[in-house]
Amino acid sequence: MKRVLISGAAILLACWAILSPASAGCKDAAAPAVDWQGCNKQMLQLDHSDLAGANLEGAYLSGTAFHEANLTGANFRRSELLRSSFVGANLSGADFEKALASRALFEQSNLKGARLVKAEFQRVSFDESDLTGADMEEGDFIRNSFRKSNLTGVNFAGALLPRALFHDAILKGVNLTRAYLYWTRFEGVDLSEVTGLTQVQLDMTCGDDKTKLPAGLTVPARWPCGED
């Protein structure tokens, strides 16, 4: 009986080791496909690192710099990205589902085909980035900046975009079905090829005489809005 109990305890310890964050390789160096799931990797300098296919699900990455890093296909689900920086990074196909970010920088980055479904990004900058084909459905993007970004084919269905900035952005084929657009800034933007945009949504936004509208929609009485 004693041997049986000892064996059972050993099995439980082995299972705990397999499932614990330590077993995820938290001490492993940055490398392609590294497993940092649930690891604390805050305030690191990982510029130019190759982390393609890395598993960063649930990782704490606040304050970490990934400038010009290769993060293609990386898993950032439920990760914490407060003031993290991805300037110039390759994030094509990366998964940020339910990730949390605030004042993070994704400027001049490649986010083609990335998933940001139900992500909570506040005051995040995507200026001059390529988000072609990204899925941002039901995400929270309050006060995000998309200046001069390529948003061709982005899915914003059900997304929250209040006070987001889209100056000089490309919105061809963008899906705005059910998107919340209170005071969203579309000055000088071509909206003629977006889908799902209704007059009720448009009436909450800000634009000017250079904003191009989809067929059937009219210029809201509140335009131009002035500075916020």
Protein backbone atom coordinates (compact mmCIF):
# COMPACT_ATOMS: atom_id res chain seq x y z
CA MET A 1 0.00 0.00 0.00
CA LYS A 2 2.82 2.35 0.90
CA ARG A 3 4.46 1.78 -2.48
CA VAL A 4 1.16 2.50 -4.23
CA LEU A 5 0.77 5.81 -2.38
CA ILE A 6 4.32 6.83 -3.21
CA SER A 7 3.78 5.97 -6.88
CA GLY A 8 0.54 8.01 -6.93
CA ALA A 9 2.30 11.01 -5.43
CA ALA A 10 5.08 10.72 -7.98
CA ILE A 11 2.55 10.72 -10.81
CA LEU A 12 0.83 13.82 -9.43
CA LEU A 13 4.15 15.64 -9.14
CA ALA A 14 5.02 14.71 -12.70
CA CYS A 15 1.67 16.01 -13.96
CA TRP A 16 2.12 19.26 -12.04
CA ALA A 17 5.56 19.72 -13.61
CA ILE A 18 4.12 19.20 -17.07
CA LEU A 19 1.34 21.73 -16.54
CA SER A 20 3.25 24.37 -14.57
CA PRO A 21 4.54 27.56 -16.23
CA ALA A 22 8.11 26.52 -15.44
CA SER A 23 7.74 23.55 -17.75
CA ALA A 24 6.82 25.94 -20.55
CA GLY A 25 10.47 26.87 -20.90
CA CYS A 26 10.38 30.25 -19.18
CA LYS A 27 14.16 30.19 -18.85
CA ASP A 28 14.73 29.31 -22.50
CA ALA A 29 16.39 31.92 -24.69
CA ALA A 30 14.45 33.70 -27.42
CA ALA A 31 14.20 31.40 -30.44
CA PRO A 32 11.71 30.28 -33.08
CA ALA A 33 8.81 28.27 -31.59
CA VAL A 34 9.98 28.95 -28.02
CA ASP A 35 7.33 28.06 -25.43
CA TRP A 36 6.88 30.97 -22.99
CA GLN A 37 3.26 30.28 -22.17
CA GLY A 38 2.30 32.06 -18.94
CA CYS A 39 5.85 33.30 -18.41
CA ASN A 40 6.90 36.66 -16.98
CA LYS A 41 8.89 38.35 -19.75
CA GLN A 42 8.37 41.99 -18.83
CA MET A 43 10.76 44.87 -19.54
CA LEU A 44 13.02 42.88 -21.88
CA GLN A 45 14.91 44.05 -24.97
CA LEU A 46 14.05 41.53 -27.68
CA ASP A 47 14.67 43.78 -30.68
CA HIS A 48 15.46 41.88 -33.92
CA SER A 49 14.79 38.52 -32.21
CA ASP A 50 13.47 35.57 -34.20
CA LEU A 51 10.38 34.34 -32.34
CA ALA A 52 8.47 32.96 -35.30
CA GLY A 53 5.77 30.56 -34.12
CA ALA A 54 6.49 31.31 -30.45
CA ASN A 55 3.89 30.34 -27.85
CA LEU A 56 3.35 33.45 -25.71
CA GLU A 57 -0.19 32.67 -24.61
CA GLY A 58 -0.98 34.30 -21.27
CA ALA A 59 2.55 35.70 -21.02
CA TYR A 60 3.32 38.95 -19.19
CA LEU A 61 5.09 41.11 -21.77
CA SER A 62 4.46 44.64 -20.48
CA GLY A 63 7.22 47.09 -21.30
CA THR A 64 9.05 44.60 -23.52
CA ALA A 65 10.50 45.82 -26.84
CA PHE A 66 10.13 43.68 -29.96
CA HIS A 67 11.40 46.24 -32.49
CA GLU A 68 11.79 44.66 -35.94
CA ALA A 69 11.44 41.18 -34.41
CA ASN A 70 10.19 38.20 -36.41
CA LEU A 71 6.95 37.10 -34.72
CA THR A 72 5.17 35.50 -37.66
CA GLY A 73 2.47 33.12 -36.48
CA ALA A 74 3.22 33.80 -32.81
CA ASN A 75 0.53 33.04 -30.22
CA PHE A 76 -0.22 36.07 -28.01
CA ARG A 77 -3.65 34.93 -26.81
CA ARG A 78 -4.61 36.45 -23.44
CA SER A 79 -1.16 38.02 -23.12
CA GLU A 80 -0.55 41.31 -21.29
CA LEU A 81 1.03 44.03 -23.44
CA LEU A 82 0.98 47.28 -21.45
CA ARG A 83 3.34 49.79 -23.10
CA SER A 84 4.97 47.00 -25.13
CA SER A 85 6.57 48.00 -28.43
CA PHE A 86 6.41 46.15 -31.76
CA VAL A 87 7.66 48.92 -34.05
CA GLY A 88 8.65 47.47 -37.42
CA ALA A 89 7.95 43.90 -36.28
CA ASN A 90 6.70 41.10 -38.53
CA LEU A 91 3.49 39.87 -36.90
CA SER A 92 1.84 38.36 -39.94
CA GLY A 93 -0.57 35.61 -38.90
CA ALA A 94 -0.04 36.31 -35.19
CA ASP A 95 -2.92 35.58 -32.81
CA PHE A 96 -3.85 38.26 -30.24
CA GLU A 97 -7.28 36.89 -29.32
CA LYS A 98 -8.38 38.36 -25.95
CA ALA A 99 -4.96 39.97 -25.45
CA LEU A 100 -4.79 43.09 -23.27
CA ALA A 101 -2.80 46.12 -24.44
CA SER A 102 -2.61 49.76 -23.39
CA ARG A 103 -0.42 52.48 -24.95
CA ALA A 104 1.43 49.80 -26.92
CA LEU A 105 3.15 50.59 -30.23
CA PHE A 106 2.57 48.57 -33.40
CA GLU A 107 3.75 51.30 -35.77
CA GLN A 108 5.16 50.33 -39.18
CA SER A 109 4.54 46.67 -38.38
CA ASN A 110 3.29 43.82 -40.56
CA LEU A 111 0.03 42.41 -39.20
CA LYS A 112 -1.28 40.81 -42.38
CA GLY A 113 -3.82 38.14 -41.54
CA ALA A 114 -3.38 38.64 -37.80
CA ARG A 115 -6.19 37.77 -35.35
CA LEU A 116 -7.22 40.38 -32.80
CA VAL A 117 -10.65 38.90 -32.07
CA LYS A 118 -12.04 40.21 -28.76
CA ALA A 119 -8.71 41.90 -28.00
CA GLU A 120 -8.78 44.81 -25.55
CA PHE A 121 -6.45 47.46 -26.97
CA GLN A 122 -6.69 50.98 -25.55
CA ARG A 123 -4.71 53.96 -26.85
CA VAL A 124 -2.65 51.68 -29.08
CA SER A 125 -0.88 53.02 -32.18
CA PHE A 126 -0.98 51.11 -35.47
CA ASP A 127 0.26 54.09 -37.51
CA GLU A 128 1.70 53.19 -40.93
CA SER A 129 1.15 49.46 -40.35
CA ASP A 130 -0.17 46.84 -42.75
CA LEU A 131 -3.21 45.05 -41.32
CA THR A 132 -4.45 43.63 -44.61
CA GLY A 133 -6.98 40.89 -43.95
CA ALA A 134 -6.72 41.12 -40.15
CA ASP A 135 -9.65 39.80 -38.10
CA MET A 136 -10.51 42.34 -35.37
CA GLU A 137 -14.08 41.22 -34.77
CA GLU A 138 -15.64 42.29 -31.45
CA GLY A 139 -12.37 43.84 -30.31
CA ASP A 140 -12.13 46.87 -28.05
CA PHE A 141 -10.02 49.52 -29.81
CA ILE A 142 -10.85 52.70 -27.89
CA ARG A 143 -8.74 55.70 -28.99
CA ASN A 144 -6.51 53.56 -31.20
CA SER A 145 -4.62 55.29 -33.99
CA PHE A 146 -4.56 53.86 -37.53
CA ARG A 147 -3.00 56.85 -39.33
CA LYS A 148 -1.65 55.96 -42.78
CA SER A 149 -2.27 52.26 -42.14
CA ASN A 150 -3.41 49.71 -44.71
CA LEU A 151 -6.65 48.16 -43.46
CA THR A 152 -7.72 46.49 -46.69
CA GLY A 153 -10.21 43.73 -45.95
CA VAL A 154 -10.07 44.12 -42.16
CA ASN A 155 -13.02 42.67 -40.24
CA PHE A 156 -14.21 45.19 -37.62
CA ALA A 157 -17.63 43.56 -37.19
CA GLY A 158 -18.96 44.32 -33.70
CA ALA A 159 -15.75 46.13 -32.75
CA LEU A 160 -15.61 49.17 -30.45
CA LEU A 161 -13.81 52.04 -32.19
CA PRO A 162 -14.82 55.22 -30.31
CA ARG A 163 -12.44 58.15 -30.91
CA ALA A 164 -10.18 55.99 -33.09
CA LEU A 165 -8.16 57.86 -35.73
CA PHE A 166 -8.14 56.77 -39.38
CA HIS A 167 -6.55 59.78 -41.07
CA ASP A 168 -5.00 58.83 -44.45
CA ALA A 169 -5.73 55.13 -43.87
CA ILE A 170 -6.79 52.68 -46.60
CA LEU A 171 -10.18 51.12 -45.75
CA LYS A 172 -11.02 49.26 -48.94
CA GLY A 173 -13.29 46.31 -48.19
CA VAL A 174 -13.36 46.95 -44.43
CA ASN A 175 -16.33 45.35 -42.64
CA LEU A 176 -17.94 47.82 -40.18
CA THR A 177 -21.07 45.80 -39.45
CA ARG A 178 -22.31 46.65 -35.92
CA ALA A 179 -19.08 48.55 -35.17
CA TYR A 180 -19.43 51.28 -32.52
CA LEU A 181 -18.11 54.48 -34.10
CA TYR A 182 -18.74 57.30 -31.63
CA TRP A 183 -16.56 60.28 -32.58
CA THR A 184 -14.41 58.03 -34.80
CA ARG A 185 -12.24 60.27 -37.00
CA PHE A 186 -12.59 59.72 -40.75
CA GLU A 187 -11.43 63.10 -42.01
CA GLY A 188 -10.08 62.79 -45.55
CA VAL A 189 -10.74 59.04 -45.63
CA ASP A 190 -12.27 57.08 -48.52
CA LEU A 191 -15.17 55.08 -47.06
CA SER A 192 -16.79 54.38 -50.41
CA GLU A 193 -15.82 50.69 -50.41
CA VAL A 194 -16.46 49.73 -46.80
CA THR A 195 -19.28 47.31 -46.01
CA GLY A 196 -21.86 47.20 -43.24
CA LEU A 197 -21.80 50.95 -42.52
CA THR A 198 -25.23 52.44 -41.78
CA GLN A 199 -26.40 56.05 -41.61
CA VAL A 200 -26.91 55.70 -37.84
CA GLN A 201 -23.29 54.66 -37.40
CA LEU A 202 -22.02 57.36 -39.74
CA ASP A 203 -23.95 60.08 -37.89
CA MET A 204 -21.82 59.40 -34.78
CA THR A 205 -18.51 59.80 -36.62
CA CYS A 206 -16.38 62.77 -37.63
CA GLY A 207 -15.44 63.58 -41.20
CA ASP A 208 -15.01 66.51 -43.58
CA ASP A 209 -15.59 67.55 -47.17
CA LYS A 210 -12.80 65.21 -48.31
CA THR A 211 -14.37 62.10 -46.78
CA LYS A 212 -15.86 59.82 -49.45
CA LEU A 213 -19.04 57.96 -48.48
CA PRO A 214 -20.62 54.69 -49.65
CA ALA A 215 -23.54 54.97 -52.03
CA GLY A 216 -26.83 55.78 -50.28
CA LEU A 217 -25.30 57.51 -47.24
CA THR A 218 -25.32 61.26 -46.65
CA VAL A 219 -22.99 63.68 -44.90
CA PRO A 220 -23.93 63.96 -41.20
CA ALA A 221 -25.04 67.37 -39.94
CA ARG A 222 -22.36 67.33 -37.22
CA TRP A 223 -19.46 67.34 -39.71
CA PRO A 224 -16.90 68.78 -39.35
CA CYS A 225 -16.57 67.96 -35.64
CA GLY A 226 -13.66 70.19 -34.72
CA GLU A 227 -10.92 69.16 -32.33
CA ASP A 228 -11.70 66.83 -29.44
